[in-house]
Amino acid sequence: MSAAELFHLGAVCNTLNGWLPSLYDHMTCNNGALQISAVSDLIVLVVNIVRILMAVAGAIGVVMLLVASIYYITSTGDPGRTKTAKDIIQYTVIGLIVILVGYGAMSFVAAAL
C-alpha cells in the first residue's frame, strides 16, 4: 500500500474546501502522491501546520471564555472564585489577541514569499 492510498491524498491535494485549514492546502500532488520539490513547498506545509494550530488554539480560547464565564456566574459572590474567573478571562483574551497578531504576521510574511 502506497502513502497516497494510506492517506487518500489524491482527493485533498491543492483543495480549499471548508472553513478549517487543511494540511494539504496549496500543495501539489503528482498522481495522488504529495510532492515536495522545492523549499517553497516546505514553507507552504509549515504555514498550513501553523494555520491548523492557530485554529485549534482559537477554539480552545473560545471554550476557555465559556468556562470562565460559567465559573464567574456560579461564584455566588465568593471573592476568590470571582478573581479566578476574571484572571482566566483576562489571560484568554490576551492569548486570543496574541493568536490574531501572530496570524496577521504569518499572513504578511507568507504573502511576501
N, C-alpha and C. Protein backbone atom coordinates (compact mmCIF):
# COMPACT_ATOMS: atom_id res chain seq x y z
N MET A 1 0.85 -1.17 0.00
CA MET A 1 0.00 0.00 0.00
C MET A 1 0.89 1.23 0.00
N SER A 2 0.62 2.15 -0.92
CA SER A 2 1.43 3.35 -1.02
C SER A 2 0.94 4.39 -0.03
N ALA A 3 1.76 5.44 0.14
CA ALA A 3 1.40 6.52 1.07
C ALA A 3 0.15 7.25 0.59
N ALA A 4 -0.01 7.39 -0.72
CA ALA A 4 -1.19 8.07 -1.26
C ALA A 4 -2.46 7.29 -0.96
N GLU A 5 -2.39 5.96 -1.04
CA GLU A 5 -3.55 5.15 -0.72
C GLU A 5 -3.85 5.18 0.77
N LEU A 6 -2.80 5.25 1.57
CA LEU A 6 -2.97 5.26 3.02
C LEU A 6 -3.64 6.54 3.49
N PHE A 7 -3.24 7.67 2.95
CA PHE A 7 -3.77 8.95 3.41
C PHE A 7 -4.81 9.55 2.46
N HIS A 8 -5.11 8.90 1.35
CA HIS A 8 -6.08 9.38 0.37
C HIS A 8 -5.77 10.80 -0.08
N LEU A 9 -4.53 11.04 -0.45
CA LEU A 9 -4.10 12.39 -0.79
C LEU A 9 -4.66 12.87 -2.12
N GLY A 10 -5.00 11.98 -3.00
CA GLY A 10 -5.47 12.40 -4.31
C GLY A 10 -6.72 13.26 -4.25
N ALA A 11 -7.55 13.04 -3.26
CA ALA A 11 -8.80 13.78 -3.16
C ALA A 11 -8.64 15.11 -2.43
N VAL A 12 -7.54 15.32 -1.72
CA VAL A 12 -7.44 16.51 -0.89
C VAL A 12 -6.30 17.44 -1.28
N CYS A 13 -5.43 17.04 -2.16
CA CYS A 13 -4.31 17.90 -2.52
C CYS A 13 -4.79 19.11 -3.30
N ASN A 14 -4.23 20.25 -2.97
CA ASN A 14 -4.48 21.51 -3.65
C ASN A 14 -5.96 21.88 -3.65
N THR A 15 -6.66 21.57 -2.56
CA THR A 15 -8.06 21.93 -2.45
C THR A 15 -8.25 22.89 -1.29
N LEU A 16 -9.21 23.74 -1.42
CA LEU A 16 -9.58 24.66 -0.36
C LEU A 16 -11.07 24.47 -0.09
N ASN A 17 -11.41 23.38 0.57
CA ASN A 17 -12.81 23.13 0.85
C ASN A 17 -13.03 23.18 2.36
N GLY A 18 -14.04 23.91 2.75
CA GLY A 18 -14.34 24.04 4.16
C GLY A 18 -13.72 25.29 4.74
N TRP A 19 -14.08 25.61 5.96
CA TRP A 19 -13.59 26.81 6.59
C TRP A 19 -12.43 26.54 7.52
N LEU A 20 -12.14 25.30 7.81
CA LEU A 20 -10.96 24.97 8.59
C LEU A 20 -9.77 24.73 7.66
N PRO A 21 -8.57 25.12 8.09
CA PRO A 21 -7.41 24.88 7.23
C PRO A 21 -7.09 23.39 7.15
N SER A 22 -6.53 23.01 6.02
CA SER A 22 -6.13 21.64 5.80
C SER A 22 -4.62 21.58 5.65
N LEU A 23 -4.05 20.45 5.97
CA LEU A 23 -2.61 20.28 5.84
C LEU A 23 -2.17 20.34 4.38
N TYR A 24 -3.07 20.02 3.46
CA TYR A 24 -2.71 19.91 2.05
C TYR A 24 -3.18 21.10 1.21
N ASP A 25 -3.61 22.21 1.85
CA ASP A 25 -3.99 23.39 1.09
C ASP A 25 -2.79 23.93 0.33
N HIS A 26 -3.00 24.26 -0.94
CA HIS A 26 -1.98 24.84 -1.82
C HIS A 26 -0.79 23.90 -2.05
N MET A 27 -0.95 22.60 -1.80
CA MET A 27 0.13 21.64 -2.05
C MET A 27 -0.10 20.99 -3.41
N THR A 28 0.99 20.62 -4.07
CA THR A 28 0.88 19.96 -5.36
C THR A 28 1.00 18.45 -5.19
N CYS A 29 0.21 17.76 -5.97
CA CYS A 29 0.22 16.29 -5.95
C CYS A 29 0.58 15.77 -7.32
N ASN A 30 1.27 14.67 -7.35
CA ASN A 30 1.64 14.02 -8.59
C ASN A 30 1.09 12.60 -8.55
N ASN A 31 0.03 12.35 -9.30
CA ASN A 31 -0.64 11.05 -9.34
C ASN A 31 -1.09 10.61 -7.95
N GLY A 32 -1.64 11.54 -7.19
CA GLY A 32 -2.17 11.21 -5.87
C GLY A 32 -1.13 11.18 -4.76
N ALA A 33 0.12 11.50 -5.06
CA ALA A 33 1.17 11.50 -4.04
C ALA A 33 1.60 12.93 -3.77
N LEU A 34 1.74 13.27 -2.52
CA LEU A 34 2.21 14.59 -2.14
C LEU A 34 3.63 14.80 -2.62
N GLN A 35 3.85 15.93 -3.26
CA GLN A 35 5.17 16.18 -3.85
C GLN A 35 5.76 17.46 -3.24
N ILE A 36 6.88 17.32 -2.57
CA ILE A 36 7.62 18.46 -2.04
C ILE A 36 8.92 18.52 -2.83
N SER A 37 8.96 19.45 -3.79
CA SER A 37 10.10 19.51 -4.69
C SER A 37 10.94 20.76 -4.50
N ALA A 38 10.46 21.70 -3.72
CA ALA A 38 11.20 22.95 -3.55
C ALA A 38 11.03 23.43 -2.11
N VAL A 39 11.83 24.40 -1.76
CA VAL A 39 11.75 24.97 -0.42
C VAL A 39 10.40 25.65 -0.23
N SER A 40 9.85 26.23 -1.28
CA SER A 40 8.55 26.90 -1.17
C SER A 40 7.45 25.90 -0.80
N ASP A 41 7.54 24.66 -1.28
CA ASP A 41 6.55 23.64 -0.89
C ASP A 41 6.67 23.32 0.60
N LEU A 42 7.88 23.29 1.10
CA LEU A 42 8.09 23.03 2.53
C LEU A 42 7.56 24.20 3.36
N ILE A 43 7.74 25.41 2.88
CA ILE A 43 7.23 26.60 3.57
C ILE A 43 5.70 26.56 3.61
N VAL A 44 5.09 26.16 2.49
CA VAL A 44 3.63 26.05 2.44
C VAL A 44 3.15 25.01 3.45
N LEU A 45 3.86 23.90 3.57
CA LEU A 45 3.49 22.87 4.53
C LEU A 45 3.59 23.40 5.97
N VAL A 46 4.65 24.12 6.28
CA VAL A 46 4.82 24.69 7.62
C VAL A 46 3.72 25.72 7.90
N VAL A 47 3.40 26.56 6.91
CA VAL A 47 2.33 27.55 7.07
C VAL A 47 1.00 26.85 7.32
N ASN A 48 0.74 25.76 6.63
CA ASN A 48 -0.51 25.01 6.84
C ASN A 48 -0.56 24.43 8.25
N ILE A 49 0.56 23.92 8.74
CA ILE A 49 0.61 23.39 10.10
C ILE A 49 0.34 24.50 11.12
N VAL A 50 0.94 25.67 10.91
CA VAL A 50 0.72 26.79 11.82
C VAL A 50 -0.74 27.24 11.77
N ARG A 51 -1.35 27.26 10.59
CA ARG A 51 -2.76 27.63 10.47
C ARG A 51 -3.65 26.66 11.23
N ILE A 52 -3.34 25.37 11.17
CA ILE A 52 -4.12 24.38 11.91
C ILE A 52 -3.97 24.60 13.41
N LEU A 53 -2.73 24.83 13.87
CA LEU A 53 -2.50 25.06 15.30
C LEU A 53 -3.20 26.32 15.78
N MET A 54 -3.21 27.36 14.95
CA MET A 54 -3.91 28.60 15.34
C MET A 54 -5.41 28.39 15.42
N ALA A 55 -5.97 27.60 14.52
CA ALA A 55 -7.40 27.30 14.58
C ALA A 55 -7.74 26.53 15.85
N VAL A 56 -6.90 25.57 16.20
CA VAL A 56 -7.13 24.80 17.43
C VAL A 56 -6.99 25.70 18.65
N ALA A 57 -5.98 26.56 18.67
CA ALA A 57 -5.78 27.47 19.80
C ALA A 57 -6.95 28.45 19.92
N GLY A 58 -7.46 28.93 18.81
CA GLY A 58 -8.61 29.82 18.85
C GLY A 58 -9.84 29.12 19.41
N ALA A 59 -10.06 27.89 19.01
CA ALA A 59 -11.20 27.13 19.53
C ALA A 59 -11.06 26.88 21.02
N ILE A 60 -9.86 26.56 21.46
CA ILE A 60 -9.62 26.36 22.89
C ILE A 60 -9.84 27.67 23.65
N GLY A 61 -9.44 28.80 23.06
CA GLY A 61 -9.65 30.09 23.69
C GLY A 61 -11.12 30.41 23.88
N VAL A 62 -11.94 30.11 22.87
CA VAL A 62 -13.38 30.36 22.98
C VAL A 62 -13.99 29.46 24.06
N VAL A 63 -13.57 28.21 24.11
CA VAL A 63 -14.07 27.30 25.14
C VAL A 63 -13.66 27.80 26.53
N MET A 64 -12.44 28.29 26.65
CA MET A 64 -11.99 28.80 27.95
C MET A 64 -12.80 30.03 28.37
N LEU A 65 -13.18 30.88 27.42
CA LEU A 65 -14.03 32.02 27.75
C LEU A 65 -15.39 31.55 28.27
N LEU A 66 -15.93 30.53 27.65
CA LEU A 66 -17.21 29.99 28.12
C LEU A 66 -17.07 29.38 29.52
N VAL A 67 -16.01 28.64 29.75
CA VAL A 67 -15.79 28.02 31.06
C VAL A 67 -15.61 29.10 32.13
N ALA A 68 -14.82 30.12 31.83
CA ALA A 68 -14.60 31.20 32.80
C ALA A 68 -15.89 31.96 33.07
N SER A 69 -16.71 32.14 32.05
CA SER A 69 -17.99 32.82 32.25
C SER A 69 -18.90 32.02 33.17
N ILE A 70 -18.98 30.73 32.96
CA ILE A 70 -19.79 29.88 33.83
C ILE A 70 -19.22 29.88 35.25
N TYR A 71 -17.91 29.84 35.36
CA TYR A 71 -17.25 29.90 36.66
C TYR A 71 -17.58 31.20 37.37
N TYR A 72 -17.63 32.31 36.64
CA TYR A 72 -17.94 33.62 37.21
C TYR A 72 -19.40 33.69 37.66
N ILE A 73 -20.28 33.14 36.84
CA ILE A 73 -21.70 33.17 37.18
C ILE A 73 -21.99 32.33 38.41
N THR A 74 -21.32 31.20 38.53
CA THR A 74 -21.59 30.30 39.67
C THR A 74 -20.73 30.60 40.88
N SER A 75 -20.01 31.71 40.88
CA SER A 75 -19.13 32.02 42.02
C SER A 75 -19.91 32.44 43.26
N THR A 76 -21.16 32.84 43.10
CA THR A 76 -22.04 33.28 44.19
C THR A 76 -21.38 34.30 45.11
N GLY A 77 -20.62 35.20 44.52
CA GLY A 77 -20.05 36.29 45.28
C GLY A 77 -18.77 35.97 46.02
N ASP A 78 -18.26 34.75 45.90
CA ASP A 78 -17.01 34.39 46.56
C ASP A 78 -15.87 35.15 45.88
N PRO A 79 -15.11 35.99 46.63
CA PRO A 79 -14.07 36.80 46.00
C PRO A 79 -12.96 35.98 45.34
N GLY A 80 -12.63 34.85 45.90
CA GLY A 80 -11.57 34.01 45.33
C GLY A 80 -11.97 33.44 43.98
N ARG A 81 -13.20 32.92 43.92
CA ARG A 81 -13.68 32.35 42.65
C ARG A 81 -13.89 33.43 41.61
N THR A 82 -14.35 34.59 42.04
CA THR A 82 -14.55 35.70 41.11
C THR A 82 -13.22 36.15 40.53
N LYS A 83 -12.20 36.26 41.38
CA LYS A 83 -10.87 36.66 40.90
C LYS A 83 -10.30 35.62 39.95
N THR A 84 -10.49 34.34 40.26
CA THR A 84 -10.02 33.28 39.37
C THR A 84 -10.69 33.36 38.01
N ALA A 85 -12.00 33.57 38.00
CA ALA A 85 -12.73 33.67 36.73
C ALA A 85 -12.26 34.89 35.93
N LYS A 86 -12.06 36.03 36.60
CA LYS A 86 -11.58 37.23 35.90
C LYS A 86 -10.18 37.02 35.34
N ASP A 87 -9.33 36.32 36.10
CA ASP A 87 -7.97 36.04 35.60
C ASP A 87 -8.01 35.14 34.37
N ILE A 88 -8.87 34.12 34.39
CA ILE A 88 -8.99 33.23 33.23
C ILE A 88 -9.46 34.02 32.02
N ILE A 89 -10.43 34.89 32.20
CA ILE A 89 -10.93 35.71 31.09
C ILE A 89 -9.83 36.62 30.58
N GLN A 90 -9.10 37.26 31.48
CA GLN A 90 -8.03 38.19 31.08
C GLN A 90 -6.95 37.46 30.29
N TYR A 91 -6.49 36.34 30.79
CA TYR A 91 -5.41 35.62 30.11
C TYR A 91 -5.89 35.02 28.79
N THR A 92 -7.14 34.60 28.72
CA THR A 92 -7.67 34.06 27.47
C THR A 92 -7.78 35.14 26.41
N VAL A 93 -8.24 36.32 26.79
CA VAL A 93 -8.34 37.42 25.82
C VAL A 93 -6.95 37.83 25.34
N ILE A 94 -5.98 37.88 26.25
CA ILE A 94 -4.61 38.20 25.85
C ILE A 94 -4.09 37.13 24.89
N GLY A 95 -4.37 35.86 25.17
CA GLY A 95 -3.94 34.78 24.29
C GLY A 95 -4.58 34.87 22.92
N LEU A 96 -5.87 35.20 22.86
CA LEU A 96 -6.54 35.33 21.57
C LEU A 96 -5.98 36.51 20.78
N ILE A 97 -5.62 37.60 21.46
CA ILE A 97 -5.00 38.73 20.78
C ILE A 97 -3.64 38.33 20.22
N VAL A 98 -2.86 37.57 20.99
CA VAL A 98 -1.56 37.10 20.51
C VAL A 98 -1.74 36.19 19.30
N ILE A 99 -2.76 35.34 19.32
CA ILE A 99 -3.03 34.46 18.19
C ILE A 99 -3.37 35.28 16.95
N LEU A 100 -4.22 36.29 17.10
CA LEU A 100 -4.60 37.13 15.96
C LEU A 100 -3.41 37.91 15.40
N VAL A 101 -2.57 38.44 16.28
CA VAL A 101 -1.38 39.17 15.82
C VAL A 101 -0.42 38.20 15.12
N GLY A 102 -0.26 37.02 15.69
CA GLY A 102 0.60 36.02 15.06
C GLY A 102 0.09 35.59 13.69
N TYR A 103 -1.23 35.44 13.58
CA TYR A 103 -1.81 35.07 12.29
C TYR A 103 -1.60 36.18 11.27
N GLY A 104 -1.76 37.42 11.71
CA GLY A 104 -1.52 38.54 10.81
C GLY A 104 -0.07 38.62 10.36
N ALA A 105 0.85 38.42 11.28
CA ALA A 105 2.27 38.44 10.93
C ALA A 105 2.61 37.28 10.00
N MET A 106 2.07 36.10 10.29
CA MET A 106 2.36 34.95 9.44
C MET A 106 1.79 35.17 8.03
N SER A 107 0.59 35.74 7.95
CA SER A 107 -0.01 36.01 6.64
C SER A 107 0.82 37.04 5.86
N PHE A 108 1.33 38.04 6.56
CA PHE A 108 2.15 39.06 5.93
C PHE A 108 3.45 38.46 5.38
N VAL A 109 4.09 37.63 6.19
CA VAL A 109 5.35 37.00 5.76
C VAL A 109 5.10 36.02 4.63
N ALA A 110 4.02 35.24 4.73
CA ALA A 110 3.70 34.25 3.69
C ALA A 110 3.36 34.95 2.38
N ALA A 111 2.71 36.11 2.44
CA ALA A 111 2.39 36.84 1.22
C ALA A 111 3.64 37.45 0.58
N ALA A 112 4.61 37.76 1.41
CA ALA A 112 5.86 38.34 0.89
C ALA A 112 6.72 37.29 0.18
N LEU A 113 6.51 36.02 0.52
CA LEU A 113 7.28 34.96 -0.12
C LEU A 113 6.65 34.68 -1.44
